[in-house]
N, C-alpha and C. Protein backbone atom coordinates (compact mmCIF):
# COMPACT_ATOMS: atom_id res chain seq x y z
N MET A 1 -16.74 82.23 -47.30
CA MET A 1 -18.08 81.69 -47.17
C MET A 1 -18.00 80.23 -46.74
N ILE A 2 -18.83 79.90 -45.77
CA ILE A 2 -18.91 78.53 -45.27
C ILE A 2 -20.19 77.92 -45.83
N ARG A 3 -20.04 76.81 -46.53
CA ARG A 3 -21.18 76.16 -47.18
C ARG A 3 -21.88 75.24 -46.19
N ILE A 4 -23.18 75.48 -45.99
CA ILE A 4 -23.98 74.65 -45.10
C ILE A 4 -24.73 73.61 -45.93
N THR A 5 -25.53 74.08 -46.88
CA THR A 5 -26.23 73.22 -47.83
C THR A 5 -25.96 73.77 -49.22
N ASP A 6 -26.63 73.21 -50.22
CA ASP A 6 -26.44 73.70 -51.59
C ASP A 6 -26.88 75.15 -51.75
N THR A 7 -27.87 75.56 -50.98
CA THR A 7 -28.41 76.91 -51.13
C THR A 7 -28.11 77.81 -49.94
N LEU A 8 -27.51 77.28 -48.89
CA LEU A 8 -27.30 78.05 -47.66
C LEU A 8 -25.81 78.22 -47.38
N PHE A 9 -25.39 79.47 -47.28
CA PHE A 9 -24.00 79.81 -46.97
C PHE A 9 -23.99 80.85 -45.86
N ILE A 10 -22.98 80.77 -44.97
CA ILE A 10 -22.82 81.83 -43.98
C ILE A 10 -21.45 82.46 -44.17
N ASP A 11 -21.39 83.75 -43.93
CA ASP A 11 -20.15 84.50 -44.11
C ASP A 11 -19.23 84.26 -42.92
N GLU A 12 -17.95 84.11 -43.19
CA GLU A 12 -16.97 83.86 -42.12
C GLU A 12 -16.85 85.05 -41.17
N SER A 13 -17.22 86.25 -41.64
CA SER A 13 -17.15 87.43 -40.77
C SER A 13 -18.26 87.41 -39.71
N ASP A 14 -19.29 86.58 -39.91
CA ASP A 14 -20.36 86.45 -38.92
C ASP A 14 -19.93 85.60 -37.72
N ILE A 15 -18.83 84.88 -37.88
CA ILE A 15 -18.34 83.99 -36.82
C ILE A 15 -17.19 84.67 -36.09
N GLN A 16 -17.25 84.63 -34.75
CA GLN A 16 -16.14 85.16 -33.94
C GLN A 16 -15.47 83.97 -33.26
N LEU A 17 -14.17 83.87 -33.44
CA LEU A 17 -13.40 82.79 -32.82
C LEU A 17 -12.46 83.39 -31.79
N GLU A 18 -12.45 82.77 -30.63
CA GLU A 18 -11.57 83.21 -29.55
C GLU A 18 -10.90 81.95 -29.01
N PHE A 19 -9.65 82.06 -28.65
CA PHE A 19 -8.94 80.89 -28.12
C PHE A 19 -8.64 81.09 -26.65
N VAL A 20 -8.99 80.06 -25.86
CA VAL A 20 -8.80 80.12 -24.42
C VAL A 20 -8.02 78.89 -23.99
N ARG A 21 -7.57 78.90 -22.73
CA ARG A 21 -6.83 77.75 -22.22
C ARG A 21 -7.76 76.57 -22.06
N SER A 22 -7.27 75.42 -22.43
CA SER A 22 -8.06 74.20 -22.41
C SER A 22 -7.81 73.43 -21.12
N SER A 23 -8.84 72.75 -20.64
CA SER A 23 -8.66 71.89 -19.49
C SER A 23 -8.28 70.50 -19.98
N GLY A 24 -7.87 69.66 -19.07
CA GLY A 24 -7.56 68.28 -19.44
C GLY A 24 -6.09 68.06 -19.72
N PRO A 25 -5.76 66.92 -20.35
CA PRO A 25 -4.35 66.55 -20.55
C PRO A 25 -3.65 67.47 -21.53
N GLY A 26 -2.36 67.56 -21.40
CA GLY A 26 -1.56 68.38 -22.31
C GLY A 26 -0.18 68.65 -21.75
N GLY A 27 0.10 68.13 -20.58
CA GLY A 27 1.43 68.32 -19.98
C GLY A 27 1.67 69.77 -19.64
N GLN A 28 2.89 70.23 -19.82
CA GLN A 28 3.25 71.62 -19.53
C GLN A 28 2.58 72.59 -20.50
N ASN A 29 2.23 72.08 -21.68
CA ASN A 29 1.63 72.91 -22.72
C ASN A 29 0.30 73.51 -22.28
N VAL A 30 -0.43 72.80 -21.43
CA VAL A 30 -1.77 73.23 -21.05
C VAL A 30 -1.75 74.55 -20.28
N ASN A 31 -0.64 74.86 -19.63
CA ASN A 31 -0.54 76.07 -18.83
C ASN A 31 -0.09 77.30 -19.60
N LYS A 32 0.39 77.11 -20.82
CA LYS A 32 0.94 78.27 -21.53
C LYS A 32 0.36 78.53 -22.92
N VAL A 33 -0.39 77.57 -23.47
CA VAL A 33 -0.92 77.74 -24.82
C VAL A 33 -2.45 77.68 -24.78
N SER A 34 -3.09 78.65 -25.44
CA SER A 34 -4.55 78.68 -25.51
C SER A 34 -5.00 77.89 -26.73
N THR A 35 -5.41 76.64 -26.51
CA THR A 35 -5.77 75.78 -27.64
C THR A 35 -7.27 75.59 -27.82
N ALA A 36 -8.06 75.77 -26.79
CA ALA A 36 -9.51 75.57 -26.90
C ALA A 36 -10.13 76.72 -27.69
N ALA A 37 -11.03 76.37 -28.61
CA ALA A 37 -11.68 77.37 -29.46
C ALA A 37 -13.08 77.68 -28.93
N MET A 38 -13.39 78.96 -28.80
CA MET A 38 -14.74 79.41 -28.43
C MET A 38 -15.33 80.11 -29.65
N LEU A 39 -16.32 79.48 -30.26
CA LEU A 39 -16.94 80.04 -31.45
C LEU A 39 -18.25 80.72 -31.05
N ARG A 40 -18.45 81.93 -31.53
CA ARG A 40 -19.69 82.68 -31.27
C ARG A 40 -20.31 83.04 -32.62
N PHE A 41 -21.60 82.73 -32.73
CA PHE A 41 -22.34 83.02 -33.96
C PHE A 41 -23.67 83.63 -33.57
N ASN A 42 -23.91 84.87 -34.01
CA ASN A 42 -25.15 85.56 -33.69
C ASN A 42 -26.23 85.10 -34.65
N VAL A 43 -27.08 84.23 -34.18
CA VAL A 43 -28.13 83.63 -35.00
C VAL A 43 -29.17 84.69 -35.38
N MET A 44 -29.51 85.56 -34.44
CA MET A 44 -30.58 86.53 -34.68
C MET A 44 -30.19 87.60 -35.70
N GLN A 45 -28.93 87.94 -35.81
CA GLN A 45 -28.52 88.99 -36.74
C GLN A 45 -27.98 88.45 -38.05
N SER A 46 -27.95 87.15 -38.22
CA SER A 46 -27.44 86.57 -39.45
C SER A 46 -28.48 86.70 -40.57
N ASP A 47 -28.04 87.26 -41.70
CA ASP A 47 -28.94 87.43 -42.84
C ASP A 47 -29.11 86.13 -43.61
N ALA A 48 -28.20 85.19 -43.43
CA ALA A 48 -28.23 83.95 -44.20
C ALA A 48 -29.34 82.99 -43.75
N LEU A 49 -29.78 83.12 -42.51
CA LEU A 49 -30.76 82.17 -41.97
C LEU A 49 -32.17 82.71 -42.06
N SER A 50 -33.10 81.85 -42.45
CA SER A 50 -34.50 82.25 -42.49
C SER A 50 -35.09 82.15 -41.08
N GLU A 51 -36.28 82.69 -40.92
CA GLU A 51 -36.92 82.69 -39.60
C GLU A 51 -37.22 81.27 -39.13
N ASP A 52 -37.62 80.39 -40.06
CA ASP A 52 -37.89 78.99 -39.71
C ASP A 52 -36.64 78.30 -39.18
N ILE A 53 -35.52 78.51 -39.87
CA ILE A 53 -34.26 77.88 -39.46
C ILE A 53 -33.82 78.44 -38.11
N ARG A 54 -34.01 79.73 -37.89
CA ARG A 54 -33.65 80.32 -36.59
C ARG A 54 -34.44 79.68 -35.46
N ASP A 55 -35.73 79.50 -35.67
CA ASP A 55 -36.57 78.90 -34.63
C ASP A 55 -36.15 77.47 -34.34
N ARG A 56 -35.93 76.69 -35.40
CA ARG A 56 -35.51 75.30 -35.20
C ARG A 56 -34.13 75.23 -34.57
N LEU A 57 -33.23 76.13 -34.96
CA LEU A 57 -31.88 76.17 -34.39
C LEU A 57 -31.94 76.52 -32.90
N ARG A 58 -32.82 77.43 -32.53
CA ARG A 58 -32.97 77.79 -31.12
C ARG A 58 -33.42 76.58 -30.31
N ARG A 59 -34.34 75.78 -30.88
CA ARG A 59 -34.83 74.60 -30.20
C ARG A 59 -33.74 73.52 -30.10
N ILE A 60 -32.99 73.32 -31.18
CA ILE A 60 -31.96 72.29 -31.21
C ILE A 60 -30.78 72.65 -30.31
N ALA A 61 -30.37 73.93 -30.33
CA ALA A 61 -29.17 74.35 -29.60
C ALA A 61 -29.34 74.26 -28.09
N GLY A 62 -30.52 74.57 -27.60
CA GLY A 62 -30.78 74.48 -26.17
C GLY A 62 -29.92 75.45 -25.38
N ARG A 63 -29.12 74.92 -24.44
CA ARG A 63 -28.31 75.77 -23.56
C ARG A 63 -27.08 76.36 -24.25
N LYS A 64 -26.79 75.93 -25.47
CA LYS A 64 -25.64 76.50 -26.20
C LYS A 64 -25.93 77.90 -26.70
N MET A 65 -27.22 78.29 -26.69
CA MET A 65 -27.59 79.62 -27.18
C MET A 65 -27.99 80.51 -26.01
N THR A 66 -27.51 81.76 -26.06
CA THR A 66 -27.82 82.72 -25.01
C THR A 66 -29.19 83.35 -25.25
N GLU A 67 -29.65 84.14 -24.28
CA GLU A 67 -30.93 84.83 -24.42
C GLU A 67 -30.93 85.81 -25.59
N GLU A 68 -29.75 86.36 -25.89
CA GLU A 68 -29.64 87.33 -26.98
C GLU A 68 -29.60 86.67 -28.35
N GLY A 69 -29.54 85.34 -28.39
CA GLY A 69 -29.50 84.62 -29.66
C GLY A 69 -28.11 84.35 -30.18
N ILE A 70 -27.13 84.33 -29.30
CA ILE A 70 -25.75 84.05 -29.71
C ILE A 70 -25.45 82.59 -29.40
N LEU A 71 -25.08 81.87 -30.43
CA LEU A 71 -24.75 80.45 -30.30
C LEU A 71 -23.27 80.33 -29.93
N ILE A 72 -22.98 79.63 -28.83
CA ILE A 72 -21.61 79.48 -28.35
C ILE A 72 -21.22 78.02 -28.40
N ILE A 73 -20.14 77.73 -29.10
CA ILE A 73 -19.63 76.36 -29.19
C ILE A 73 -18.19 76.37 -28.70
N LYS A 74 -17.90 75.53 -27.69
CA LYS A 74 -16.54 75.42 -27.17
C LYS A 74 -15.97 74.09 -27.64
N ALA A 75 -14.83 74.15 -28.31
CA ALA A 75 -14.17 72.96 -28.83
C ALA A 75 -12.81 72.82 -28.17
N ASN A 76 -12.63 71.76 -27.39
CA ASN A 76 -11.33 71.50 -26.78
C ASN A 76 -10.99 70.01 -26.85
N ARG A 77 -11.47 69.38 -27.92
CA ARG A 77 -11.27 67.95 -28.11
C ARG A 77 -9.82 67.62 -28.43
N TYR A 78 -9.15 68.53 -29.11
CA TYR A 78 -7.77 68.28 -29.57
C TYR A 78 -6.79 69.18 -28.84
N ARG A 79 -5.51 68.85 -28.95
CA ARG A 79 -4.46 69.67 -28.33
C ARG A 79 -3.99 70.77 -29.27
N SER A 80 -4.45 70.73 -30.50
CA SER A 80 -4.03 71.70 -31.51
C SER A 80 -5.10 72.78 -31.67
N GLN A 81 -4.66 74.03 -31.74
CA GLN A 81 -5.57 75.16 -31.90
C GLN A 81 -6.30 75.07 -33.24
N ASP A 82 -5.57 74.70 -34.29
CA ASP A 82 -6.15 74.62 -35.63
C ASP A 82 -7.22 73.52 -35.71
N LYS A 83 -6.93 72.36 -35.11
CA LYS A 83 -7.91 71.26 -35.13
C LYS A 83 -9.17 71.64 -34.34
N ASN A 84 -9.00 72.34 -33.22
CA ASN A 84 -10.15 72.78 -32.42
C ASN A 84 -10.98 73.81 -33.17
N ARG A 85 -10.33 74.69 -33.92
CA ARG A 85 -11.04 75.68 -34.74
C ARG A 85 -11.88 74.98 -35.79
N LYS A 86 -11.29 74.02 -36.48
CA LYS A 86 -12.02 73.27 -37.50
C LYS A 86 -13.17 72.48 -36.88
N ASP A 87 -12.93 71.90 -35.72
CA ASP A 87 -13.96 71.12 -35.02
C ASP A 87 -15.15 72.01 -34.64
N ALA A 88 -14.88 73.21 -34.15
CA ALA A 88 -15.95 74.13 -33.76
C ALA A 88 -16.78 74.53 -34.98
N ILE A 89 -16.13 74.81 -36.09
CA ILE A 89 -16.84 75.20 -37.31
C ILE A 89 -17.67 74.02 -37.84
N GLU A 90 -17.10 72.81 -37.80
CA GLU A 90 -17.84 71.62 -38.25
C GLU A 90 -19.09 71.39 -37.39
N ARG A 91 -18.97 71.61 -36.09
CA ARG A 91 -20.12 71.43 -35.21
C ARG A 91 -21.19 72.49 -35.46
N LEU A 92 -20.77 73.72 -35.76
CA LEU A 92 -21.72 74.77 -36.12
C LEU A 92 -22.45 74.40 -37.40
N VAL A 93 -21.71 73.95 -38.41
CA VAL A 93 -22.32 73.56 -39.69
C VAL A 93 -23.31 72.41 -39.48
N ALA A 94 -22.93 71.43 -38.65
CA ALA A 94 -23.82 70.29 -38.39
C ALA A 94 -25.11 70.75 -37.72
N LEU A 95 -25.02 71.68 -36.76
CA LEU A 95 -26.22 72.19 -36.08
C LEU A 95 -27.14 72.91 -37.06
N ILE A 96 -26.55 73.76 -37.92
CA ILE A 96 -27.37 74.52 -38.87
C ILE A 96 -27.98 73.59 -39.92
N ARG A 97 -27.21 72.57 -40.35
CA ARG A 97 -27.76 71.59 -41.29
C ARG A 97 -28.95 70.87 -40.69
N GLN A 98 -28.84 70.51 -39.44
CA GLN A 98 -29.93 69.82 -38.76
C GLN A 98 -31.16 70.72 -38.67
N ALA A 99 -30.93 72.02 -38.43
CA ALA A 99 -32.05 72.96 -38.33
C ALA A 99 -32.64 73.28 -39.71
N ALA A 100 -31.85 73.12 -40.77
CA ALA A 100 -32.31 73.44 -42.12
C ALA A 100 -33.28 72.39 -42.66
N VAL A 101 -33.26 71.19 -42.08
CA VAL A 101 -34.16 70.13 -42.54
C VAL A 101 -35.55 70.38 -41.95
N LYS A 102 -36.51 70.56 -42.83
CA LYS A 102 -37.87 70.83 -42.39
C LYS A 102 -38.52 69.51 -41.97
N PRO A 103 -39.06 69.44 -40.75
CA PRO A 103 -39.66 68.19 -40.31
C PRO A 103 -40.94 67.88 -41.08
N LYS A 104 -41.17 66.58 -41.32
CA LYS A 104 -42.38 66.17 -42.01
C LYS A 104 -43.57 66.39 -41.08
N PRO A 105 -44.68 66.93 -41.62
CA PRO A 105 -45.85 67.13 -40.76
C PRO A 105 -46.46 65.79 -40.38
N ARG A 106 -46.94 65.69 -39.16
CA ARG A 106 -47.54 64.45 -38.67
C ARG A 106 -48.95 64.32 -39.22
N ARG A 107 -49.23 63.15 -39.78
CA ARG A 107 -50.58 62.88 -40.27
C ARG A 107 -51.29 61.99 -39.26
N LYS A 108 -52.48 62.39 -38.88
CA LYS A 108 -53.24 61.61 -37.91
C LYS A 108 -53.67 60.30 -38.56
N THR A 109 -53.54 59.21 -37.80
CA THR A 109 -53.98 57.91 -38.29
C THR A 109 -54.91 57.29 -37.26
N ARG A 110 -55.70 56.34 -37.71
CA ARG A 110 -56.61 55.64 -36.81
C ARG A 110 -56.36 54.15 -36.99
N PRO A 111 -56.54 53.38 -35.91
CA PRO A 111 -56.38 51.94 -36.04
C PRO A 111 -57.52 51.35 -36.89
N SER A 112 -57.19 50.31 -37.66
CA SER A 112 -58.20 49.68 -38.50
C SER A 112 -59.20 48.90 -37.65
N ARG A 113 -60.32 48.52 -38.26
CA ARG A 113 -61.34 47.77 -37.53
C ARG A 113 -60.77 46.44 -37.07
N ALA A 114 -60.00 45.77 -37.92
CA ALA A 114 -59.41 44.48 -37.56
C ALA A 114 -58.46 44.62 -36.37
N ALA A 115 -57.69 45.71 -36.35
CA ALA A 115 -56.75 45.94 -35.24
C ALA A 115 -57.52 46.15 -33.94
N LYS A 116 -58.64 46.89 -34.01
CA LYS A 116 -59.47 47.09 -32.82
C LYS A 116 -60.03 45.77 -32.32
N GLU A 117 -60.52 44.95 -33.25
CA GLU A 117 -61.09 43.65 -32.87
C GLU A 117 -60.05 42.74 -32.24
N ARG A 118 -58.83 42.73 -32.81
CA ARG A 118 -57.74 41.92 -32.24
C ARG A 118 -57.41 42.37 -30.83
N ARG A 119 -57.36 43.66 -30.63
CA ARG A 119 -57.06 44.20 -29.31
C ARG A 119 -58.14 43.81 -28.31
N LEU A 120 -59.41 43.95 -28.68
CA LEU A 120 -60.50 43.64 -27.78
C LEU A 120 -60.58 42.15 -27.48
N SER A 121 -60.34 41.31 -28.49
CA SER A 121 -60.39 39.86 -28.24
C SER A 121 -59.24 39.44 -27.33
N ALA A 122 -58.09 40.05 -27.50
CA ALA A 122 -56.95 39.74 -26.62
C ALA A 122 -57.26 40.16 -25.18
N LYS A 123 -57.93 41.31 -25.02
CA LYS A 123 -58.30 41.77 -23.68
C LYS A 123 -59.31 40.81 -23.04
N LYS A 124 -60.28 40.36 -23.85
CA LYS A 124 -61.28 39.43 -23.31
C LYS A 124 -60.64 38.11 -22.89
N LYS A 125 -59.72 37.63 -23.70
CA LYS A 125 -59.04 36.37 -23.40
C LYS A 125 -58.23 36.50 -22.11
N ARG A 126 -57.53 37.59 -21.97
CA ARG A 126 -56.71 37.83 -20.78
C ARG A 126 -57.61 37.97 -19.55
N SER A 127 -58.72 38.68 -19.71
CA SER A 127 -59.66 38.86 -18.60
C SER A 127 -60.24 37.52 -18.15
N GLU A 128 -60.59 36.68 -19.11
CA GLU A 128 -61.13 35.36 -18.79
C GLU A 128 -60.10 34.50 -18.06
N THR A 129 -58.85 34.57 -18.49
CA THR A 129 -57.77 33.82 -17.82
C THR A 129 -57.65 34.25 -16.37
N LYS A 130 -57.68 35.55 -16.13
CA LYS A 130 -57.54 36.06 -14.77
C LYS A 130 -58.77 35.72 -13.93
N ARG A 131 -59.96 35.78 -14.54
CA ARG A 131 -61.19 35.48 -13.83
C ARG A 131 -61.19 34.02 -13.35
N ARG A 132 -60.68 33.12 -14.20
CA ARG A 132 -60.63 31.70 -13.83
C ARG A 132 -59.70 31.43 -12.66
N ARG A 133 -58.68 32.23 -12.53
CA ARG A 133 -57.72 32.04 -11.43
C ARG A 133 -58.37 32.31 -10.07
N HIS A 134 -59.33 33.22 -10.03
CA HIS A 134 -59.90 33.65 -8.76
C HIS A 134 -61.07 32.80 -8.28
N GLU A 135 -61.63 31.96 -9.16
CA GLU A 135 -62.76 31.13 -8.75
C GLU A 135 -62.27 30.03 -7.82
N VAL A 136 -62.87 29.99 -6.67
CA VAL A 136 -62.55 28.95 -5.71
C VAL A 136 -63.82 28.18 -5.43
N LYS A 137 -63.79 26.87 -5.64
CA LYS A 137 -64.97 26.04 -5.38
C LYS A 137 -64.85 25.45 -3.98
N ILE A 138 -65.87 25.72 -3.21
CA ILE A 138 -65.88 25.22 -1.83
C ILE A 138 -66.55 23.84 -1.83
N PRO A 139 -65.86 22.79 -1.34
CA PRO A 139 -66.50 21.47 -1.30
C PRO A 139 -67.65 21.44 -0.30
N GLU A 140 -68.72 20.77 -0.65
CA GLU A 140 -69.88 20.68 0.23
C GLU A 140 -69.69 19.55 1.21
N ASP A 141 -70.02 19.81 2.44
CA ASP A 141 -69.93 18.76 3.47
C ASP A 141 -71.21 17.95 3.46
N SER A 142 -71.07 16.62 3.40
CA SER A 142 -72.27 15.78 3.39
C SER A 142 -72.54 15.16 4.71
């Protein structure tokens, strides 16, 4: 069991890990050892996640989630297979933790009367300044 929060756990059997060849530096090792971890987690079929968390996770994951609801995380930060596996699981846990936090509802607010008056007086002052710039007095010929 992988602990996400105090009340949320996901079963390790729900996660599929596959190792593929990694791009980037690694010398001769990069051509013969599959060190990059591809983690797949089916969000839609997981019993551990509530519908709210699934919806938020779908929004947060973006392009990391397929149309079928499978979350794919590729970890190739390290040259070690074990470190990449741990990194992929940590990133999955971080995503689910972020989705588990319920956003605070927005409360509508209105500006106070004093704030409205300050805004209007500042606009009037600015308008007057600009109006004075445009006045041109033509001298009268005597």
